[in-house]
Each structure stands twice: as C-alpha cells, then as structure tokens.
Amino acid sequence: MDRISLTGFVDFVLEAGAGGDADPLKERKGDASPDYYRPLRDAIVTMHREDLLPVTLDAAVTRETSEKKRRVFARAIEGYRRFLSTGTMKWFDPPRTSYRMGAHNVDVNPELGLAIDETPHVIKMYFRGEPLTPRRTSVMLSLLAGRLGRICPGHVFAVLDVRHGKLHAVSTPEERFGMLRASNEGR
C-alpha cells in the first residue's frame, strides 16, 4: 500500500475535480524534489518545540547552497515572522493520523501544534509559490478538521500561508459544513 501526504492528496483531489488525469503519487510540478521545503519546515518546528528565538530561522537560509533556495526561504521566513507577531504562541505536539483511501494511505500530518493566545491550533503549513486558493484552503481544512476534529475537540484547525503570514482557520462543524458547501458551489 502506497503512502501519500495530505498535500499530495489535496493536489490529487483538486486535479481530479478539474477533470484532469490525476495521479495521487506523481511529483508536484515546480518542486525540485518533494522535500524542497523540508529544511525550513524542520527549522520552524524545532524553533517552536525547543522554544528558541525566531532569529534561529535565519540559519536555515545560510545552510542552503542554492542562491534560489536562499531567496525562497528568506521570503518565507519574512512571512512567518509576520505570523509570529499575531499573538503569543506555545508549542504542543500536533496530532497525526492516516486513513485508507482506495489503494493508498493518506497521512494527515499537520506540522504545528500551537496554543495561540491560549487557544490550541493544529496547523498545516503551506510554502508553495503558487497562491493558496480558497478551494485548496477549503479542502485542506476539511480534511484536517474532518480527520482530527473528533480526537481534538476545542482545537482550531488551520492552514498557514507561510509566505504571506496568513492563517486560514476553522473551528466548528458549522464552519466546516459551510466551507464544503462553498467549495462545491465554486465548481
């Protein structure tokens, strides 16, 4: 059985919904490798987990040998710092799960568990250069809340557009239902 990430599955759902020839395991276009942002993602998680200062993120930029990657990471860090200025944040281990979808196991793996101003948020980070569309946001939030909502009552589920420092969140079943309805109406 093949494993597929939440992001890969969202790509598959959006491509299939658009009438494309979707393959849930294909590599994403534009990324040199599926783990292009891993060093920065890991640096952000480590910063929160170990309660380090945001300046430690700069090391993720200086470690990169590619000038392009250094520019991309620096821009993402700038957006992430904007997000950090929105409230006080305390780390907790984010929940994870997976579920079977046909011949694949889909990993629901938010990277961040942050109590923002004492409200627990379960956050999936979005790093890509292409815009985070309302439809993509809706699908990601629906999957996060739908799969983790029962085991994390009272938590806010969110997608963070890292480059822009913008948090897209949903917390109640009513909000999730409204998002799914709006996503289907946009077709």
N, C-alpha and C. Protein backbone atom coordinates (compact mmCIF):
# COMPACT_ATOMS: atom_id res chain seq x y z
N MET A 1 0.84 -1.18 0.00
CA MET A 1 0.00 0.00 0.00
C MET A 1 0.89 1.25 0.00
N ASP A 2 0.59 2.17 -0.90
CA ASP A 2 1.37 3.40 -1.01
C ASP A 2 0.89 4.44 -0.02
N ARG A 3 1.84 5.25 0.48
CA ARG A 3 1.52 6.35 1.38
C ARG A 3 1.54 7.64 0.57
N ILE A 4 0.64 8.53 0.89
CA ILE A 4 0.58 9.82 0.22
C ILE A 4 0.37 10.90 1.27
N SER A 5 1.04 12.01 1.10
CA SER A 5 0.91 13.10 2.06
C SER A 5 -0.43 13.80 1.88
N LEU A 6 -0.81 14.55 2.89
CA LEU A 6 -2.03 15.35 2.81
C LEU A 6 -1.95 16.31 1.62
N THR A 7 -0.80 16.96 1.45
CA THR A 7 -0.63 17.91 0.35
C THR A 7 -0.76 17.20 -1.00
N GLY A 8 -0.14 16.03 -1.13
CA GLY A 8 -0.25 15.26 -2.37
C GLY A 8 -1.68 14.84 -2.63
N PHE A 9 -2.39 14.46 -1.58
CA PHE A 9 -3.78 14.06 -1.74
C PHE A 9 -4.65 15.25 -2.14
N VAL A 10 -4.40 16.41 -1.56
CA VAL A 10 -5.15 17.62 -1.93
C VAL A 10 -4.89 17.95 -3.40
N ASP A 11 -3.64 17.83 -3.84
CA ASP A 11 -3.32 18.05 -5.26
C ASP A 11 -4.15 17.11 -6.13
N PHE A 12 -4.21 15.85 -5.74
CA PHE A 12 -4.97 14.83 -6.46
C PHE A 12 -6.46 15.19 -6.52
N VAL A 13 -7.03 15.56 -5.39
CA VAL A 13 -8.45 15.91 -5.32
C VAL A 13 -8.75 17.11 -6.22
N LEU A 14 -7.92 18.13 -6.14
CA LEU A 14 -8.16 19.34 -6.94
C LEU A 14 -7.99 19.07 -8.43
N GLU A 15 -7.00 18.26 -8.79
CA GLU A 15 -6.78 17.94 -10.20
C GLU A 15 -7.91 17.06 -10.73
N ALA A 16 -8.33 16.08 -9.93
CA ALA A 16 -9.42 15.19 -10.35
C ALA A 16 -10.72 15.97 -10.48
N GLY A 17 -10.95 16.91 -9.56
CA GLY A 17 -12.16 17.73 -9.60
C GLY A 17 -12.20 18.65 -10.79
N ALA A 18 -11.03 18.97 -11.34
CA ALA A 18 -10.96 19.85 -12.50
C ALA A 18 -11.02 19.05 -13.81
N GLY A 19 -11.22 17.73 -13.70
CA GLY A 19 -11.32 16.90 -14.89
C GLY A 19 -9.98 16.46 -15.44
N GLY A 20 -8.91 16.65 -14.66
CA GLY A 20 -7.58 16.26 -15.12
C GLY A 20 -7.35 14.77 -14.96
N ASP A 21 -6.25 14.30 -15.50
CA ASP A 21 -5.85 12.90 -15.38
C ASP A 21 -5.02 12.79 -14.11
N ALA A 22 -5.67 12.70 -12.97
CA ALA A 22 -5.00 12.80 -11.68
C ALA A 22 -4.31 11.50 -11.29
N ASP A 23 -3.11 11.63 -10.78
CA ASP A 23 -2.36 10.52 -10.21
C ASP A 23 -1.89 10.98 -8.83
N PRO A 24 -2.40 10.36 -7.76
CA PRO A 24 -2.06 10.84 -6.42
C PRO A 24 -0.60 10.71 -6.05
N LEU A 25 0.18 9.91 -6.78
CA LEU A 25 1.57 9.71 -6.40
C LEU A 25 2.56 10.50 -7.24
N LYS A 26 2.09 11.24 -8.24
CA LYS A 26 3.04 11.96 -9.09
C LYS A 26 3.69 13.11 -8.32
N GLU A 27 4.92 13.43 -8.70
CA GLU A 27 5.61 14.55 -8.06
C GLU A 27 4.97 15.85 -8.50
N ARG A 28 4.99 16.83 -7.60
CA ARG A 28 4.42 18.14 -7.90
C ARG A 28 5.29 18.87 -8.91
N LYS A 29 4.65 19.58 -9.82
CA LYS A 29 5.38 20.39 -10.79
C LYS A 29 6.01 21.57 -10.07
N GLY A 30 7.21 21.93 -10.48
CA GLY A 30 7.83 23.13 -9.93
C GLY A 30 8.72 22.89 -8.73
N ASP A 31 8.56 21.78 -8.05
CA ASP A 31 9.41 21.49 -6.91
C ASP A 31 10.55 20.59 -7.38
N ALA A 32 11.78 20.96 -7.02
CA ALA A 32 12.94 20.16 -7.41
C ALA A 32 12.84 18.75 -6.82
N SER A 33 12.25 18.65 -5.66
CA SER A 33 12.01 17.36 -5.02
C SER A 33 10.81 17.53 -4.10
N PRO A 34 10.18 16.42 -3.72
CA PRO A 34 9.03 16.54 -2.83
C PRO A 34 9.36 17.20 -1.48
N ASP A 35 10.62 17.16 -1.06
CA ASP A 35 11.01 17.73 0.23
C ASP A 35 11.74 19.06 0.09
N TYR A 36 11.43 19.82 -0.92
CA TYR A 36 12.11 21.09 -1.19
C TYR A 36 12.13 22.00 0.04
N TYR A 37 11.02 22.08 0.77
CA TYR A 37 10.91 22.99 1.92
C TYR A 37 11.23 22.33 3.26
N ARG A 38 11.63 21.07 3.24
CA ARG A 38 11.85 20.35 4.50
C ARG A 38 12.82 21.06 5.45
N PRO A 39 13.96 21.56 4.99
CA PRO A 39 14.87 22.22 5.95
C PRO A 39 14.22 23.41 6.67
N LEU A 40 13.42 24.17 5.96
CA LEU A 40 12.75 25.31 6.58
C LEU A 40 11.61 24.85 7.48
N ARG A 41 10.85 23.88 7.01
CA ARG A 41 9.76 23.32 7.82
C ARG A 41 10.32 22.77 9.14
N ASP A 42 11.41 22.02 9.04
CA ASP A 42 12.02 21.45 10.25
C ASP A 42 12.56 22.54 11.17
N ALA A 43 13.13 23.61 10.60
CA ALA A 43 13.65 24.71 11.41
C ALA A 43 12.52 25.40 12.18
N ILE A 44 11.37 25.58 11.54
CA ILE A 44 10.23 26.22 12.21
C ILE A 44 9.72 25.33 13.34
N VAL A 45 9.58 24.04 13.07
CA VAL A 45 9.11 23.11 14.11
C VAL A 45 10.10 23.09 15.28
N THR A 46 11.39 23.00 14.99
CA THR A 46 12.41 22.98 16.04
C THR A 46 12.38 24.27 16.86
N MET A 47 12.23 25.40 16.18
CA MET A 47 12.18 26.68 16.89
C MET A 47 11.06 26.67 17.94
N HIS A 48 9.88 26.19 17.55
CA HIS A 48 8.76 26.16 18.49
C HIS A 48 8.94 25.08 19.56
N ARG A 49 9.31 23.89 19.11
CA ARG A 49 9.44 22.76 20.04
C ARG A 49 10.46 23.05 21.13
N GLU A 50 11.58 23.69 20.75
CA GLU A 50 12.65 23.96 21.72
C GLU A 50 12.58 25.38 22.30
N ASP A 51 11.50 26.10 21.97
CA ASP A 51 11.28 27.45 22.49
C ASP A 51 12.47 28.37 22.21
N LEU A 52 12.90 28.36 20.94
CA LEU A 52 14.03 29.20 20.51
C LEU A 52 13.52 30.52 19.95
N LEU A 53 14.40 31.46 19.82
CA LEU A 53 14.05 32.76 19.25
C LEU A 53 13.89 32.65 17.73
N PRO A 54 13.02 33.47 17.12
CA PRO A 54 12.82 33.41 15.67
C PRO A 54 14.08 33.65 14.84
N VAL A 55 15.06 34.32 15.40
CA VAL A 55 16.31 34.57 14.68
C VAL A 55 16.99 33.25 14.28
N THR A 56 16.68 32.17 14.98
CA THR A 56 17.29 30.88 14.65
C THR A 56 16.86 30.39 13.27
N LEU A 57 15.76 30.91 12.74
CA LEU A 57 15.31 30.51 11.40
C LEU A 57 16.29 30.95 10.32
N ASP A 58 17.04 32.01 10.60
CA ASP A 58 18.00 32.51 9.61
C ASP A 58 19.06 31.46 9.28
N ALA A 59 19.33 30.56 10.20
CA ALA A 59 20.32 29.51 9.95
C ALA A 59 19.86 28.58 8.83
N ALA A 60 18.54 28.40 8.68
CA ALA A 60 18.03 27.56 7.59
C ALA A 60 18.37 28.17 6.24
N VAL A 61 18.45 29.50 6.18
CA VAL A 61 18.80 30.18 4.94
C VAL A 61 20.30 30.04 4.68
N THR A 62 21.10 30.30 5.68
CA THR A 62 22.56 30.28 5.47
C THR A 62 23.09 28.88 5.18
N ARG A 63 22.41 27.83 5.61
CA ARG A 63 22.85 26.46 5.35
C ARG A 63 22.63 26.05 3.89
N GLU A 64 21.75 26.74 3.19
CA GLU A 64 21.44 26.37 1.80
C GLU A 64 22.56 26.80 0.86
N THR A 65 22.90 25.92 -0.07
CA THR A 65 23.95 26.24 -1.04
C THR A 65 23.38 26.91 -2.28
N SER A 66 22.14 26.68 -2.56
CA SER A 66 21.49 27.27 -3.75
C SER A 66 21.05 28.70 -3.45
N GLU A 67 21.46 29.62 -4.30
CA GLU A 67 21.05 31.02 -4.14
C GLU A 67 19.54 31.16 -4.26
N LYS A 68 18.95 30.44 -5.20
CA LYS A 68 17.49 30.50 -5.38
C LYS A 68 16.78 30.03 -4.10
N LYS A 69 17.25 28.93 -3.54
CA LYS A 69 16.62 28.40 -2.33
C LYS A 69 16.78 29.38 -1.16
N ARG A 70 17.93 30.03 -1.08
CA ARG A 70 18.14 31.03 -0.02
C ARG A 70 17.13 32.17 -0.16
N ARG A 71 16.89 32.63 -1.39
CA ARG A 71 15.90 33.71 -1.61
C ARG A 71 14.50 33.24 -1.24
N VAL A 72 14.14 32.03 -1.68
CA VAL A 72 12.81 31.48 -1.39
C VAL A 72 12.61 31.33 0.12
N PHE A 73 13.60 30.77 0.79
CA PHE A 73 13.50 30.57 2.24
C PHE A 73 13.44 31.91 2.98
N ALA A 74 14.25 32.88 2.56
CA ALA A 74 14.25 34.19 3.23
C ALA A 74 12.88 34.85 3.11
N ARG A 75 12.26 34.74 1.94
CA ARG A 75 10.92 35.32 1.76
C ARG A 75 9.90 34.62 2.64
N ALA A 76 9.99 33.30 2.74
CA ALA A 76 9.07 32.55 3.59
C ALA A 76 9.26 32.92 5.06
N ILE A 77 10.50 33.08 5.48
CA ILE A 77 10.76 33.46 6.88
C ILE A 77 10.19 34.84 7.17
N GLU A 78 10.30 35.74 6.23
CA GLU A 78 9.72 37.08 6.41
C GLU A 78 8.21 36.98 6.65
N GLY A 79 7.52 36.15 5.87
CA GLY A 79 6.09 35.94 6.07
C GLY A 79 5.81 35.26 7.39
N TYR A 80 6.65 34.29 7.76
CA TYR A 80 6.43 33.58 9.02
C TYR A 80 6.59 34.52 10.22
N ARG A 81 7.52 35.44 10.12
CA ARG A 81 7.69 36.42 11.21
C ARG A 81 6.45 37.30 11.35
N ARG A 82 5.80 37.61 10.24
CA ARG A 82 4.53 38.37 10.32
C ARG A 82 3.50 37.56 11.09
N PHE A 83 3.43 36.26 10.81
CA PHE A 83 2.51 35.39 11.53
C PHE A 83 2.85 35.37 13.02
N LEU A 84 4.13 35.27 13.36
CA LEU A 84 4.54 35.21 14.76
C LEU A 84 4.11 36.45 15.54
N SER A 85 3.98 37.57 14.86
CA SER A 85 3.62 38.82 15.55
C SER A 85 2.13 38.91 15.87
N THR A 86 1.33 37.90 15.50
CA THR A 86 -0.11 37.96 15.70
C THR A 86 -0.56 37.55 17.09
N GLY A 87 0.32 36.99 17.91
CA GLY A 87 -0.08 36.59 19.25
C GLY A 87 1.02 35.80 19.94
N THR A 88 0.77 35.44 21.20
CA THR A 88 1.73 34.61 21.93
C THR A 88 1.49 33.16 21.55
N MET A 89 2.58 32.40 21.42
CA MET A 89 2.47 31.03 20.94
C MET A 89 3.26 30.08 21.82
N LYS A 90 2.61 28.96 22.14
CA LYS A 90 3.26 27.92 22.94
C LYS A 90 3.05 26.59 22.22
N TRP A 91 4.12 25.84 22.07
CA TRP A 91 4.14 24.58 21.34
C TRP A 91 3.41 23.47 22.08
N PHE A 92 2.73 22.60 21.32
CA PHE A 92 2.30 21.27 21.78
C PHE A 92 2.44 20.35 20.58
N ASP A 93 2.61 19.06 20.84
CA ASP A 93 2.77 18.10 19.73
C ASP A 93 1.46 18.00 18.95
N PRO A 94 1.51 18.26 17.66
CA PRO A 94 0.28 18.20 16.86
C PRO A 94 -0.16 16.74 16.68
N PRO A 95 -1.47 16.52 16.64
CA PRO A 95 -1.95 15.16 16.40
C PRO A 95 -1.70 14.77 14.95
N ARG A 96 -1.58 13.48 14.72
CA ARG A 96 -1.40 12.96 13.37
C ARG A 96 -2.27 11.72 13.24
N THR A 97 -2.67 11.46 12.01
CA THR A 97 -3.41 10.25 11.73
C THR A 97 -3.22 9.90 10.26
N SER A 98 -3.71 8.76 9.87
CA SER A 98 -3.75 8.41 8.45
C SER A 98 -5.02 7.62 8.23
N TYR A 99 -5.45 7.59 7.00
CA TYR A 99 -6.63 6.80 6.68
C TYR A 99 -6.48 6.21 5.30
N ARG A 100 -7.20 5.13 5.09
CA ARG A 100 -7.11 4.41 3.83
C ARG A 100 -8.06 5.03 2.81
N MET A 101 -7.52 5.29 1.63
CA MET A 101 -8.32 5.83 0.53
C MET A 101 -7.97 5.00 -0.69
N GLY A 102 -8.79 4.01 -0.97
CA GLY A 102 -8.50 3.10 -2.07
C GLY A 102 -7.23 2.32 -1.78
N ALA A 103 -6.27 2.38 -2.70
CA ALA A 103 -5.01 1.65 -2.55
C ALA A 103 -3.95 2.47 -1.81
N HIS A 104 -4.33 3.60 -1.24
CA HIS A 104 -3.37 4.50 -0.62
C HIS A 104 -3.72 4.77 0.84
N ASN A 105 -2.69 5.03 1.63
CA ASN A 105 -2.86 5.56 2.98
C ASN A 105 -2.55 7.04 2.91
N VAL A 106 -3.49 7.87 3.29
CA VAL A 106 -3.30 9.32 3.27
C VAL A 106 -2.88 9.76 4.67
N ASP A 107 -1.71 10.39 4.76
CA ASP A 107 -1.21 10.89 6.04
C ASP A 107 -1.76 12.28 6.30
N VAL A 108 -2.44 12.46 7.41
CA VAL A 108 -2.90 13.78 7.84
C VAL A 108 -1.90 14.21 8.90
N ASN A 109 -0.99 15.09 8.48
CA ASN A 109 0.20 15.37 9.27
C ASN A 109 0.47 16.87 9.43
N PRO A 110 -0.36 17.55 10.21
CA PRO A 110 -0.06 18.97 10.45
C PRO A 110 1.29 19.10 11.15
N GLU A 111 2.04 20.13 10.78
CA GLU A 111 3.38 20.29 11.34
C GLU A 111 3.40 20.98 12.69
N LEU A 112 2.43 21.86 12.93
CA LEU A 112 2.48 22.69 14.13
C LEU A 112 1.29 22.47 15.04
N GLY A 113 1.58 22.40 16.32
CA GLY A 113 0.57 22.48 17.36
C GLY A 113 0.93 23.70 18.18
N LEU A 114 0.15 24.75 18.08
CA LEU A 114 0.48 25.99 18.78
C LEU A 114 -0.75 26.50 19.54
N ALA A 115 -0.55 26.77 20.81
CA ALA A 115 -1.58 27.47 21.58
C ALA A 115 -1.34 28.95 21.30
N ILE A 116 -2.21 29.55 20.49
CA ILE A 116 -2.08 30.96 20.13
C ILE A 116 -3.02 31.74 21.04
N ASP A 117 -2.42 32.58 21.86
CA ASP A 117 -3.19 33.30 22.88
C ASP A 117 -4.08 32.32 23.65
N GLU A 118 -3.49 31.17 23.98
CA GLU A 118 -4.08 30.11 24.80
C GLU A 118 -5.14 29.28 24.10
N THR A 119 -5.40 29.50 22.83
CA THR A 119 -6.34 28.68 22.06
C THR A 119 -5.54 27.69 21.22
N PRO A 120 -5.78 26.37 21.40
CA PRO A 120 -4.98 25.38 20.66
C PRO A 120 -5.32 25.37 19.17
N HIS A 121 -4.26 25.51 18.36
CA HIS A 121 -4.38 25.49 16.90
C HIS A 121 -3.55 24.33 16.36
N VAL A 122 -4.14 23.57 15.45
CA VAL A 122 -3.45 22.50 14.73
C VAL A 122 -3.26 23.03 13.32
N ILE A 123 -1.97 23.18 12.91
CA ILE A 123 -1.66 23.95 11.71
C ILE A 123 -0.86 23.15 10.68
N LYS A 124 -1.35 23.20 9.45
CA LYS A 124 -0.62 22.67 8.29
C LYS A 124 -0.01 23.87 7.58
N MET A 125 1.31 23.83 7.36
CA MET A 125 1.98 24.95 6.70
C MET A 125 1.96 24.77 5.18
N TYR A 126 1.72 25.88 4.48
CA TYR A 126 1.71 25.91 3.02
C TYR A 126 2.84 26.83 2.59
N PHE A 127 3.82 26.27 1.86
CA PHE A 127 5.01 27.01 1.46
C PHE A 127 5.05 27.39 -0.01
N ARG A 128 4.34 26.73 -0.84
CA ARG A 128 4.49 26.86 -2.29
C ARG A 128 4.38 28.30 -2.79
N GLY A 129 4.98 28.53 -3.95
CA GLY A 129 4.96 29.85 -4.56
C GLY A 129 3.62 30.19 -5.20
N GLU A 130 2.90 29.17 -5.69
CA GLU A 130 1.60 29.46 -6.29
C GLU A 130 0.61 29.84 -5.19
N PRO A 131 -0.34 30.71 -5.52
CA PRO A 131 -1.27 31.21 -4.50
C PRO A 131 -2.05 30.09 -3.81
N LEU A 132 -2.32 30.30 -2.55
CA LEU A 132 -3.17 29.40 -1.78
C LEU A 132 -4.62 29.80 -2.09
N THR A 133 -5.27 29.01 -2.94
CA THR A 133 -6.61 29.36 -3.40
C THR A 133 -7.65 29.02 -2.34
N PRO A 134 -8.81 29.67 -2.40
CA PRO A 134 -9.88 29.34 -1.46
C PRO A 134 -10.29 27.87 -1.54
N ARG A 135 -10.29 27.32 -2.73
CA ARG A 135 -10.68 25.92 -2.89
C ARG A 135 -9.66 24.98 -2.24
N ARG A 136 -8.38 25.24 -2.44
CA ARG A 136 -7.33 24.42 -1.83
C ARG A 136 -7.43 24.55 -0.30
N THR A 137 -7.61 25.77 0.17
CA THR A 137 -7.73 26.00 1.61
C THR A 137 -8.90 25.22 2.17
N SER A 138 -10.04 25.28 1.50
CA SER A 138 -11.23 24.59 1.95
C SER A 138 -11.03 23.08 2.03
N VAL A 139 -10.41 22.51 1.00
CA VAL A 139 -10.18 21.06 1.00
C VAL A 139 -9.21 20.68 2.13
N MET A 140 -8.14 21.44 2.29
CA MET A 140 -7.16 21.13 3.34
C MET A 140 -7.80 21.24 4.73
N LEU A 141 -8.55 22.30 4.97
CA LEU A 141 -9.19 22.48 6.28
C LEU A 141 -10.23 21.41 6.53
N SER A 142 -10.97 21.04 5.52
CA SER A 142 -11.98 19.99 5.68
C SER A 142 -11.34 18.66 6.04
N LEU A 143 -10.23 18.34 5.39
CA LEU A 143 -9.53 17.09 5.70
C LEU A 143 -8.93 17.12 7.11
N LEU A 144 -8.30 18.24 7.46
CA LEU A 144 -7.72 18.36 8.80
C LEU A 144 -8.80 18.23 9.87
N ALA A 145 -9.83 19.05 9.76
CA ALA A 145 -10.88 19.06 10.78
C ALA A 145 -11.68 17.76 10.76
N GLY A 146 -11.93 17.24 9.56
CA GLY A 146 -12.71 16.02 9.45
C GLY A 146 -12.01 14.81 10.05
N ARG A 147 -10.70 14.73 9.89
CA ARG A 147 -9.95 13.58 10.39
C ARG A 147 -9.44 13.76 11.82
N LEU A 148 -9.23 15.00 12.24
CA LEU A 148 -8.66 15.22 13.58
C LEU A 148 -9.65 15.85 14.56
N GLY A 149 -10.78 16.33 14.06
CA GLY A 149 -11.75 17.03 14.90
C GLY A 149 -12.28 16.22 16.07
N ARG A 150 -12.51 14.93 15.86
CA ARG A 150 -13.05 14.09 16.93
C ARG A 150 -12.04 13.82 18.03
N ILE A 151 -10.75 13.76 17.65
CA ILE A 151 -9.74 13.47 18.67
C ILE A 151 -9.17 14.75 19.29
N CYS A 152 -9.55 15.90 18.75
CA CYS A 152 -9.07 17.19 19.26
C CYS A 152 -10.22 18.18 19.44
N PRO A 153 -11.19 17.85 20.27
CA PRO A 153 -12.29 18.80 20.44
C PRO A 153 -11.78 20.12 21.02
N GLY A 154 -12.35 21.20 20.55
CA GLY A 154 -11.96 22.52 21.06
C GLY A 154 -10.74 23.10 20.39
N HIS A 155 -10.16 22.38 19.44
CA HIS A 155 -8.99 22.89 18.73
C HIS A 155 -9.44 23.63 17.47
N VAL A 156 -8.63 24.57 17.07
CA VAL A 156 -8.83 25.28 15.80
C VAL A 156 -7.91 24.62 14.78
N PHE A 157 -8.45 24.31 13.61
CA PHE A 157 -7.67 23.71 12.54
C PHE A 157 -7.36 24.79 11.53
N ALA A 158 -6.10 24.81 11.07
CA ALA A 158 -5.70 25.93 10.23
C ALA A 158 -4.67 25.53 9.19
N VAL A 159 -4.66 26.32 8.12
CA VAL A 159 -3.62 26.25 7.10
C VAL A 159 -2.93 27.60 7.14
N LEU A 160 -1.61 27.57 7.26
CA LEU A 160 -0.83 28.80 7.30
C LEU A 160 -0.15 29.02 5.96
N ASP A 161 -0.50 30.10 5.29
CA ASP A 161 0.20 30.52 4.08
C ASP A 161 1.48 31.20 4.58
N VAL A 162 2.55 30.43 4.64
CA VAL A 162 3.79 30.87 5.28
C VAL A 162 4.34 32.12 4.61
N ARG A 163 4.38 32.14 3.31
CA ARG A 163 4.99 33.28 2.60
C ARG A 163 4.29 34.61 2.89
N HIS A 164 2.99 34.54 3.16
CA HIS A 164 2.23 35.76 3.42
C HIS A 164 1.90 35.95 4.91
N GLY A 165 2.25 34.97 5.73
CA GLY A 165 1.99 35.07 7.16
C GLY A 165 0.51 35.08 7.50
N LYS A 166 -0.31 34.46 6.64
CA LYS A 166 -1.77 34.48 6.83
C LYS A 166 -2.28 33.12 7.26
N LEU A 167 -3.01 33.12 8.38
CA LEU A 167 -3.59 31.90 8.93
C LEU A 167 -5.05 31.79 8.51
N HIS A 168 -5.40 30.67 7.88
CA HIS A 168 -6.78 30.38 7.48
C HIS A 168 -7.28 29.30 8.42
N ALA A 169 -8.32 29.58 9.19
CA ALA A 169 -8.72 28.67 10.26
C ALA A 169 -10.20 28.32 10.22
N VAL A 170 -10.51 27.18 10.80
CA VAL A 170 -11.89 26.73 11.00
C VAL A 170 -11.92 25.97 12.33
N SER A 171 -13.00 26.16 13.09
CA SER A 171 -13.03 25.51 14.39
C SER A 171 -14.31 24.75 14.70
N THR A 172 -15.41 25.04 14.04
CA THR A 172 -16.67 24.40 14.40
C THR A 172 -17.21 23.56 13.25
N PRO A 173 -18.05 22.56 13.56
CA PRO A 173 -18.66 21.77 12.49
C PRO A 173 -19.47 22.64 11.53
N GLU A 174 -20.13 23.68 12.03
CA GLU A 174 -20.91 24.55 11.16
C GLU A 174 -20.01 25.25 10.15
N GLU A 175 -18.84 25.70 10.60
CA GLU A 175 -17.91 26.36 9.68
C GLU A 175 -17.41 25.37 8.64
N ARG A 176 -17.10 24.13 9.05
CA ARG A 176 -16.62 23.12 8.10
C ARG A 176 -17.69 22.84 7.05
N PHE A 177 -18.95 22.71 7.46
CA PHE A 177 -20.02 22.43 6.52
C PHE A 177 -20.18 23.58 5.52
N GLY A 178 -20.13 24.79 6.01
CA GLY A 178 -20.24 25.96 5.15
C GLY A 178 -19.11 26.02 4.14
N MET A 179 -17.89 25.65 4.57
CA MET A 179 -16.74 25.66 3.67
C MET A 179 -16.90 24.62 2.57
N LEU A 180 -17.36 23.42 2.93
CA LEU A 180 -17.54 22.38 1.93
C LEU A 180 -18.61 22.79 0.92
N ARG A 181 -19.70 23.38 1.41
CA ARG A 181 -20.77 23.82 0.52
C ARG A 181 -20.25 24.90 -0.44
N ALA A 182 -19.50 25.86 0.08
CA ALA A 182 -18.95 26.93 -0.76
C ALA A 182 -17.97 26.36 -1.79
N SER A 183 -17.18 25.36 -1.40
CA SER A 183 -16.22 24.75 -2.31
C SER A 183 -16.96 24.07 -3.47
N ASN A 184 -18.05 23.38 -3.17
CA ASN A 184 -18.80 22.69 -4.21
C ASN A 184 -19.55 23.66 -5.12
N GLU A 185 -19.97 24.80 -4.58
CA GLU A 185 -20.67 25.79 -5.40
C GLU A 185 -19.73 26.47 -6.38
N GLY A 186 -18.42 26.48 -6.08
CA GLY A 186 -17.46 27.14 -6.93
C GLY A 186 -17.08 26.34 -8.17
N ARG A 187 -17.63 25.18 -8.34
CA ARG A 187 -17.27 24.34 -9.48
C ARG A 187 -17.94 24.76 -10.75
